Amino acid sequence: MSNIGSGVAITYWQEVMKKLENKMNRMKDQIGEKCPHFAGEDGKYDNIHTDWWTSGFWPGMLWIMHDMTGDKAYRDAAWSWDETLEQWLVKPTVELHHDVGFQFLSTAVIKYKITGDEDGFRRGLEAANFLAGRYNPAGQFIRAWNGDKYGWAIIDCMLNISLLFWASEVTGDPRYKHIAIRHAETTMQYGVREDGSTKHILSFDPEDGHYIESFGGQGYSPDSTWSRGAAWGLYGFANTYRHTQDVRFLNTAKRIAHYFISALPEDSVPYWDFRLPSLEGQSRDSSAAAIAASGLLELASFVPEGEKRLYADAAERILRSLTENYAVWDQPEHESILLHATGSGTSFIDVSLIYGDYYYLEAIAKLNGWKHRVY
């Protein structure tokens, strides 16, 4: 049975939160105004263009720490990020796409939730309008990347649609949530297999909307299951249930969770794909573990008491393993929290990734009572 909520576990997670506060104080000074994505062997985060899809995660971490500690230095460091990102809603860019949810939920929306800032509110709605504009009504999906692939949808977008649910909630306009629900239904039908495994890229005819095929994308093959994609799906369908109370989405989240948990190796941190023909020489993905753990904590909060321990236990096992085996506590010059993340089988292999750090911090904050849910 899960120890979450017991005195021993509460003390453990409180201690981890204190370690994270020390770590984040250093990261705040080390990262400064950089827009981080990945850190290699030297432990130094890069500085990418702010229209890149990961640009919201570092300021999101700062907002969580401000909310948890009340430290104004975190708020000051995070404050202007939504203004920085807003420029890409009005300037030509090839990077802004379905991931505006990741970019604006953890900047503009959380800023509004915590402070009531009206500019944050406005920018969040601008991003929601942009995301809604990518909806294909014939196929009932939100278009993924830019370029000439007008009929592609991906599992990652299951977390981005939380931006649309938020927009409906704060405006009273149901159109946003209708788009989110239709996209979730399409992903549920074509992107989640009967056994709970997931596909990454779904291809539809953009003209009449019929489903054509799936692609492996960042996973090993069309028939495999990219572990981070499964984590996106697990967390995304759990959140969709939270916003809709539609049991179909809860049951889909459960199916993905059961597959994810059953496919984990002994230390509860997955390899980058769950269906690799051989594990020899293959890399782990600590970011997939962190995303799934935060999603499992959400899922545990929705189910009857007798089911909670299944998902809470799994989340705790994952987070303890990340804390004790993958986190960088004893190297103060290292700018990331988690090691051994993998973007795909061909890029960003065995590195630190900012979204892995974000979801790890988010999950630990939840275990310490954080209530300002972004998704």
Protein backbone atom coordinates (compact mmCIF):
# COMPACT_ATOMS: atom_id res chain seq x y z
CA MET A 1 0.00 0.00 0.00
CA SER A 2 1.25 3.49 -0.78
CA ASN A 3 2.90 5.44 2.02
CA ILE A 4 1.83 8.74 0.46
CA GLY A 5 0.06 10.58 3.23
CA SER A 6 1.83 8.70 6.04
CA GLY A 7 4.22 10.48 8.37
CA VAL A 8 7.27 8.73 6.94
CA ALA A 9 6.40 9.57 3.33
CA ILE A 10 5.37 13.14 4.14
CA THR A 11 8.73 13.74 5.80
CA TYR A 12 10.55 12.17 2.86
CA TRP A 13 8.83 14.36 0.27
CA GLN A 14 9.26 17.45 2.42
CA GLU A 15 12.98 16.76 2.52
CA VAL A 16 13.04 16.30 -1.26
CA MET A 17 11.24 19.63 -1.64
CA LYS A 18 13.90 21.32 0.49
CA LYS A 19 16.60 19.82 -1.71
CA LEU A 20 14.73 21.10 -4.75
CA GLU A 21 14.53 24.58 -3.26
CA ASN A 22 18.31 24.60 -2.79
CA LYS A 23 18.76 23.24 -6.29
CA MET A 24 16.37 25.74 -7.85
CA ASN A 25 18.08 28.66 -6.09
CA ARG A 26 21.30 27.68 -7.84
CA MET A 27 19.58 27.01 -11.17
CA LYS A 28 17.90 30.42 -11.06
CA ASP A 29 21.30 32.09 -10.93
CA GLN A 30 22.97 29.67 -13.35
CA ILE A 31 20.29 29.72 -16.04
CA GLY A 32 19.47 33.39 -15.67
CA GLU A 33 17.77 34.65 -18.83
CA LYS A 34 18.59 31.59 -20.92
CA CYS A 35 15.80 29.60 -22.57
CA PRO A 36 16.92 26.05 -21.73
CA HIS A 37 16.11 22.85 -23.58
CA PHE A 38 18.82 20.24 -22.98
CA ALA A 39 22.07 19.85 -21.07
CA GLY A 40 24.79 17.46 -22.16
CA GLU A 41 27.70 15.90 -20.31
CA ASP A 42 28.99 19.26 -19.08
CA GLY A 43 25.70 19.86 -17.26
CA LYS A 44 25.17 23.26 -18.86
CA TYR A 45 21.77 24.03 -20.33
CA ASP A 46 21.71 25.46 -23.85
CA ASN A 47 19.96 28.69 -24.81
CA ILE A 48 17.38 28.15 -27.55
CA HIS A 49 15.06 30.49 -29.43
CA THR A 50 12.00 31.40 -27.38
CA ASP A 51 9.53 30.19 -30.00
CA TRP A 52 10.74 26.60 -29.46
CA TRP A 53 8.12 24.32 -27.90
CA THR A 54 9.97 23.84 -24.61
CA SER A 55 10.25 27.56 -23.83
CA GLY A 56 7.53 27.53 -21.17
CA PHE A 57 8.95 24.88 -18.86
CA TRP A 58 11.71 26.84 -17.13
CA PRO A 59 9.44 29.79 -16.25
CA GLY A 60 6.85 27.23 -15.17
CA MET A 61 9.35 25.84 -12.69
CA LEU A 62 9.99 29.34 -11.37
CA TRP A 63 6.25 29.93 -10.90
CA ILE A 64 5.82 26.65 -9.03
CA MET A 65 8.67 27.56 -6.70
CA HIS A 66 7.22 31.01 -6.10
CA ASP A 67 3.85 29.47 -5.30
CA MET A 68 5.39 26.89 -2.97
CA THR A 69 7.80 29.19 -1.13
CA GLY A 70 6.45 32.73 -1.50
CA ASP A 71 9.93 33.81 -2.59
CA LYS A 72 9.54 36.94 -4.72
CA ALA A 73 12.82 36.24 -6.54
CA TYR A 74 11.18 33.34 -8.38
CA ARG A 75 8.21 35.50 -9.34
CA ASP A 76 10.48 38.26 -10.59
CA ALA A 77 12.47 35.80 -12.72
CA ALA A 78 9.28 34.32 -14.21
CA TRP A 79 7.22 37.48 -14.62
CA SER A 80 8.07 38.64 -18.15
CA TRP A 81 8.18 35.26 -19.87
CA ASP A 82 4.60 35.35 -21.17
CA GLU A 83 5.32 38.77 -22.70
CA THR A 84 8.40 37.33 -24.37
CA LEU A 85 6.40 34.44 -25.82
CA GLU A 86 3.50 36.62 -26.92
CA GLN A 87 5.63 38.17 -29.67
CA TRP A 88 5.50 34.86 -31.56
CA LEU A 89 1.71 35.07 -31.77
CA VAL A 90 2.04 38.17 -33.95
CA LYS A 91 5.39 37.62 -35.70
CA PRO A 92 5.95 35.14 -38.53
CA THR A 93 7.41 31.92 -37.15
CA VAL A 94 7.70 28.32 -38.25
CA GLU A 95 7.93 26.99 -34.70
CA LEU A 96 4.68 28.01 -33.00
CA HIS A 97 2.19 25.17 -33.38
CA HIS A 98 0.11 22.78 -31.25
CA ASP A 99 2.55 23.12 -28.35
CA VAL A 100 1.36 26.60 -27.40
CA GLY A 101 -0.32 24.80 -24.51
CA PHE A 102 3.06 23.83 -23.07
CA GLN A 103 4.33 27.35 -23.68
CA PHE A 104 1.46 29.43 -22.29
CA LEU A 105 -0.08 27.24 -19.59
CA SER A 106 3.14 27.38 -17.59
CA THR A 107 3.67 31.11 -18.19
CA ALA A 108 0.58 33.24 -18.88
CA VAL A 109 -2.06 30.95 -17.37
CA ILE A 110 -0.22 30.10 -14.16
CA LYS A 111 0.71 33.77 -13.79
CA TYR A 112 -2.97 34.67 -13.99
CA LYS A 113 -4.00 31.90 -11.60
CA ILE A 114 -1.46 32.92 -8.96
CA THR A 115 -1.48 36.72 -9.31
CA GLY A 116 -4.66 37.62 -11.20
CA ASP A 117 -2.58 39.46 -13.80
CA GLU A 118 -4.85 40.61 -16.63
CA ASP A 119 -2.08 40.50 -19.23
CA GLY A 120 -1.50 36.86 -18.35
CA PHE A 121 -5.22 36.24 -18.82
CA ARG A 122 -5.20 37.98 -22.21
CA ARG A 123 -2.11 36.16 -23.44
CA GLY A 124 -3.49 32.82 -22.34
CA LEU A 125 -6.65 33.46 -24.37
CA GLU A 126 -4.60 34.56 -27.38
CA ALA A 127 -2.77 31.24 -27.26
CA ALA A 128 -6.05 29.33 -26.86
CA ASN A 129 -7.43 31.07 -29.94
CA PHE A 130 -4.29 30.16 -31.86
CA LEU A 131 -4.61 26.50 -30.80
CA ALA A 132 -8.33 26.39 -31.64
CA GLY A 133 -7.48 27.74 -35.08
CA ARG A 134 -5.46 24.59 -35.81
CA TYR A 135 -8.56 22.39 -35.49
CA ASN A 136 -9.57 20.36 -38.54
CA PRO A 137 -13.36 19.89 -38.33
CA ALA A 138 -13.45 17.19 -41.02
CA GLY A 139 -11.10 14.88 -39.14
CA GLN A 140 -11.89 16.31 -35.67
CA PHE A 141 -8.26 16.73 -34.67
CA ILE A 142 -5.84 19.53 -33.88
CA ARG A 143 -3.10 19.76 -36.47
CA ALA A 144 0.36 19.02 -35.10
CA TRP A 145 3.48 20.60 -36.58
CA ASN A 146 3.77 23.11 -39.39
CA GLY A 147 4.98 22.41 -42.91
CA ASP A 148 3.02 20.44 -45.48
CA LYS A 149 1.72 17.70 -43.14
CA TYR A 150 -1.74 19.21 -42.74
CA GLY A 151 -3.32 15.92 -41.64
CA TRP A 152 -0.99 14.95 -38.79
CA ALA A 153 -2.01 14.78 -35.14
CA ILE A 154 0.19 13.55 -32.29
CA ILE A 155 -0.26 12.08 -28.81
CA ASP A 156 1.64 15.01 -27.22
CA CYS A 157 -1.31 17.31 -27.89
CA MET A 158 -3.38 15.55 -25.23
CA LEU A 159 -1.72 17.81 -22.67
CA ASN A 160 -1.91 20.94 -24.81
CA ILE A 161 -5.71 20.78 -24.97
CA SER A 162 -5.83 21.73 -21.29
CA LEU A 163 -5.34 25.29 -22.58
CA LEU A 164 -8.69 25.02 -24.36
CA PHE A 165 -10.47 23.67 -21.28
CA TRP A 166 -9.08 26.59 -19.29
CA ALA A 167 -10.28 29.06 -21.94
CA SER A 168 -13.83 27.70 -21.76
CA GLU A 169 -13.75 27.81 -17.97
CA VAL A 170 -12.67 31.45 -17.72
CA THR A 171 -14.76 32.81 -20.61
CA GLY A 172 -17.89 30.67 -20.37
CA ASP A 173 -17.56 29.97 -24.10
CA PRO A 174 -18.02 26.21 -24.70
CA ARG A 175 -16.46 26.25 -28.17
CA TYR A 176 -12.95 25.79 -26.81
CA LYS A 177 -13.86 22.68 -24.81
CA HIS A 178 -15.83 21.24 -27.73
CA ILE A 179 -12.67 21.31 -29.83
CA ALA A 180 -10.66 19.76 -27.00
CA ILE A 181 -13.19 16.96 -26.51
CA ARG A 182 -13.40 16.16 -30.23
CA HIS A 183 -9.60 15.98 -30.44
CA ALA A 184 -9.47 13.72 -27.37
CA GLU A 185 -12.11 11.43 -28.86
CA THR A 186 -10.17 11.16 -32.12
CA THR A 187 -6.92 10.41 -30.27
CA MET A 188 -8.71 7.87 -28.10
CA GLN A 189 -10.14 6.10 -31.15
CA TYR A 190 -7.05 6.00 -33.34
CA GLY A 191 -4.08 6.67 -31.06
CA VAL A 192 -4.63 4.26 -28.16
CA ARG A 193 -4.50 0.54 -28.78
CA GLU A 194 -6.74 -1.95 -27.00
CA ASP A 195 -3.94 -2.98 -24.63
CA GLY A 196 -3.32 0.64 -23.55
CA SER A 197 -0.20 1.17 -25.64
CA THR A 198 -0.08 4.37 -27.67
CA LYS A 199 0.91 5.59 -31.13
CA HIS A 200 2.83 8.81 -31.70
CA ILE A 201 1.78 10.27 -35.08
CA LEU A 202 -1.67 9.81 -36.61
CA SER A 203 -2.20 10.69 -40.27
CA PHE A 204 -5.58 11.80 -41.63
CA ASP A 205 -6.71 13.09 -44.99
CA PRO A 206 -6.95 16.82 -44.29
CA GLU A 207 -9.69 17.27 -46.87
CA ASP A 208 -12.28 14.67 -45.86
CA GLY A 209 -10.79 13.69 -42.48
CA HIS A 210 -10.55 9.91 -42.89
CA TYR A 211 -7.83 8.11 -40.94
CA ILE A 212 -4.94 6.87 -43.08
CA GLU A 213 -2.16 5.40 -40.90
CA SER A 214 0.17 5.92 -37.97
CA PHE A 215 3.89 6.64 -37.88
CA GLY A 216 6.49 5.80 -35.28
CA GLY A 217 7.62 9.39 -35.01
CA GLN A 218 9.92 9.68 -32.03
CA GLY A 219 9.25 6.06 -31.17
CA TYR A 220 11.04 3.00 -32.54
CA SER A 221 8.42 2.06 -35.15
CA PRO A 222 4.72 2.48 -36.03
CA ASP A 223 3.97 -0.65 -33.98
CA SER A 224 6.01 0.37 -30.94
CA THR A 225 5.18 2.59 -27.98
CA TRP A 226 7.35 5.63 -27.38
CA SER A 227 7.46 5.87 -23.60
CA ARG A 228 7.18 9.66 -23.41
CA GLY A 229 4.23 9.52 -25.80
CA ALA A 230 2.52 7.07 -23.45
CA ALA A 231 3.21 9.47 -20.58
CA TRP A 232 1.69 12.38 -22.53
CA GLY A 233 -1.37 10.24 -23.19
CA LEU A 234 -1.72 9.02 -19.61
CA TYR A 235 -1.56 12.52 -18.15
CA GLY A 236 -3.59 14.07 -20.96
CA PHE A 237 -6.54 11.70 -20.72
CA ALA A 238 -6.55 11.99 -16.93
CA ASN A 239 -6.80 15.77 -17.28
CA THR A 240 -9.48 15.47 -19.94
CA TYR A 241 -11.53 13.46 -17.45
CA ARG A 242 -10.97 16.15 -14.81
CA HIS A 243 -12.35 18.79 -17.14
CA THR A 244 -15.26 16.74 -18.56
CA GLN A 245 -16.14 14.06 -15.98
CA ASP A 246 -16.61 11.76 -18.98
CA VAL A 247 -15.73 8.25 -17.79
CA ARG A 248 -14.52 7.24 -21.26
CA PHE A 249 -11.48 9.44 -20.77
CA LEU A 250 -10.87 8.14 -17.25
CA ASN A 251 -10.94 4.55 -18.49
CA THR A 252 -8.56 5.43 -21.33
CA ALA A 253 -6.15 7.03 -18.85
CA LYS A 254 -6.35 3.86 -16.74
CA ARG A 255 -5.59 1.61 -19.72
CA ILE A 256 -2.52 3.63 -20.63
CA ALA A 257 -1.44 3.72 -16.98
CA HIS A 258 -1.75 -0.05 -16.65
CA TYR A 259 0.33 -0.58 -19.78
CA PHE A 260 2.92 1.96 -18.66
CA ILE A 261 3.28 0.51 -15.16
CA SER A 262 3.45 -3.09 -16.37
CA ALA A 263 6.13 -2.25 -18.95
CA LEU A 264 8.50 -0.52 -16.52
CA PRO A 265 11.91 -2.04 -15.78
CA GLU A 266 13.01 -2.87 -12.26
CA ASP A 267 13.97 0.69 -11.31
CA SER A 268 10.65 2.13 -12.59
CA VAL A 269 12.27 4.45 -15.14
CA PRO A 270 11.43 3.41 -18.72
CA TYR A 271 13.64 3.00 -21.72
CA TRP A 272 12.86 5.48 -24.48
CA ASP A 273 10.49 2.98 -26.14
CA PHE A 274 8.54 0.14 -24.55
CA ARG A 275 8.81 -2.18 -27.56
CA LEU A 276 12.48 -2.19 -28.47
CA PRO A 277 13.65 -5.50 -29.96
CA SER A 278 16.63 -5.46 -27.59
CA LEU A 279 17.49 -3.34 -24.55
CA GLU A 280 21.23 -3.71 -25.00
CA GLY A 281 22.81 -0.29 -25.36
CA GLN A 282 19.45 1.49 -25.21
CA SER A 283 18.91 4.65 -23.17
CA ARG A 284 16.39 5.45 -20.47
CA ASP A 285 14.05 8.41 -20.51
CA SER A 286 13.76 10.04 -17.10
CA SER A 287 11.50 12.70 -18.64
CA ALA A 288 8.90 10.06 -19.54
CA ALA A 289 9.06 8.80 -15.96
CA ALA A 290 8.53 12.28 -14.50
CA ILE A 291 5.59 13.09 -16.79
CA ALA A 292 3.93 9.75 -16.04
CA ALA A 293 4.43 10.14 -12.29
CA SER A 294 2.70 13.52 -12.27
CA GLY A 295 -0.10 12.09 -14.38
CA LEU A 296 -0.46 9.07 -12.09
CA LEU A 297 -0.89 11.40 -9.11
CA GLU A 298 -3.74 13.10 -10.96
CA LEU A 299 -5.28 9.76 -11.85
CA ALA A 300 -5.07 8.59 -8.24
CA SER A 301 -7.11 11.62 -7.18
CA PHE A 302 -10.03 10.68 -9.45
CA VAL A 303 -10.59 7.01 -8.67
CA PRO A 304 -12.41 5.34 -5.74
CA GLU A 305 -10.45 4.83 -2.53
CA GLY A 306 -9.77 1.17 -3.22
CA GLU A 307 -8.05 1.99 -6.52
CA LYS A 308 -5.94 4.94 -5.40
CA ARG A 309 -2.99 2.92 -4.14
CA LEU A 310 -2.37 1.31 -7.56
CA TYR A 311 -1.62 4.67 -9.17
CA ALA A 312 -0.19 6.41 -6.10
CA ASP A 313 2.18 3.53 -5.40
CA ALA A 314 3.43 3.59 -8.97
CA ALA A 315 3.95 7.36 -8.86
CA GLU A 316 5.86 7.08 -5.60
CA ARG A 317 8.09 4.28 -6.90
CA ILE A 318 8.93 6.29 -10.01
CA LEU A 319 9.65 9.48 -8.09
CA ARG A 320 11.76 7.74 -5.47
CA SER A 321 13.84 6.14 -8.19
CA LEU A 322 14.28 9.48 -9.96
CA THR A 323 15.19 11.14 -6.68
CA GLU A 324 17.72 8.54 -5.59
CA ASN A 325 19.18 7.35 -8.91
CA TYR A 326 18.70 10.04 -11.56
CA ALA A 327 18.78 13.42 -9.82
CA VAL A 328 21.89 15.59 -9.59
CA TRP A 329 22.16 16.71 -5.98
CA ASP A 330 25.90 16.57 -5.35
CA GLN A 331 27.19 18.51 -8.37
CA PRO A 332 26.40 22.19 -7.73
CA GLU A 333 27.82 23.22 -11.10
CA HIS A 334 25.26 21.05 -12.91
CA GLU A 335 22.31 23.15 -14.14
CA SER A 336 19.68 20.40 -14.45
CA ILE A 337 17.83 18.22 -11.97
CA LEU A 338 17.48 14.89 -13.78
CA LEU A 339 20.02 12.93 -15.81
CA HIS A 340 19.43 10.20 -18.40
CA ALA A 341 16.58 11.63 -20.46
CA THR A 342 16.10 10.89 -24.16
CA GLY A 343 14.27 12.93 -26.78
CA SER A 344 14.07 10.05 -29.26
CA GLY A 345 16.16 7.18 -30.51
CA THR A 346 18.03 9.50 -32.86
CA SER A 347 18.33 12.81 -31.01
CA PHE A 348 19.02 14.14 -27.52
CA ILE A 349 20.15 10.76 -26.21
CA ASP A 350 21.07 10.38 -22.53
CA VAL A 351 20.92 14.08 -21.69
CA SER A 352 19.01 16.32 -19.30
CA LEU A 353 15.79 17.81 -20.67
CA ILE A 354 14.03 20.81 -19.19
CA TYR A 355 10.58 19.23 -19.40
CA GLY A 356 11.82 16.24 -17.40
CA ASP A 357 12.92 18.69 -14.71
CA TYR A 358 9.59 20.53 -14.90
CA TYR A 359 7.36 17.49 -14.42
CA TYR A 360 9.58 16.10 -11.68
CA LEU A 361 9.29 19.39 -9.78
CA GLU A 362 5.55 19.52 -10.49
CA ALA A 363 5.03 16.01 -9.11
CA ILE A 364 7.08 16.67 -5.96
CA ALA A 365 5.15 19.91 -5.45
CA LYS A 366 1.88 17.98 -5.67
CA LEU A 367 3.10 15.60 -2.98
CA ASN A 368 3.75 18.66 -0.84
CA GLY A 369 0.25 20.07 -1.29
CA TRP A 370 0.58 22.26 -4.39
CA LYS A 371 -2.91 23.15 -5.62
CA HIS A 372 -2.46 25.55 -8.55
CA ARG A 373 -2.78 22.91 -11.26
CA VAL A 374 -1.61 24.24 -14.63
CA TYR A 375 -3.08 21.48 -16.76
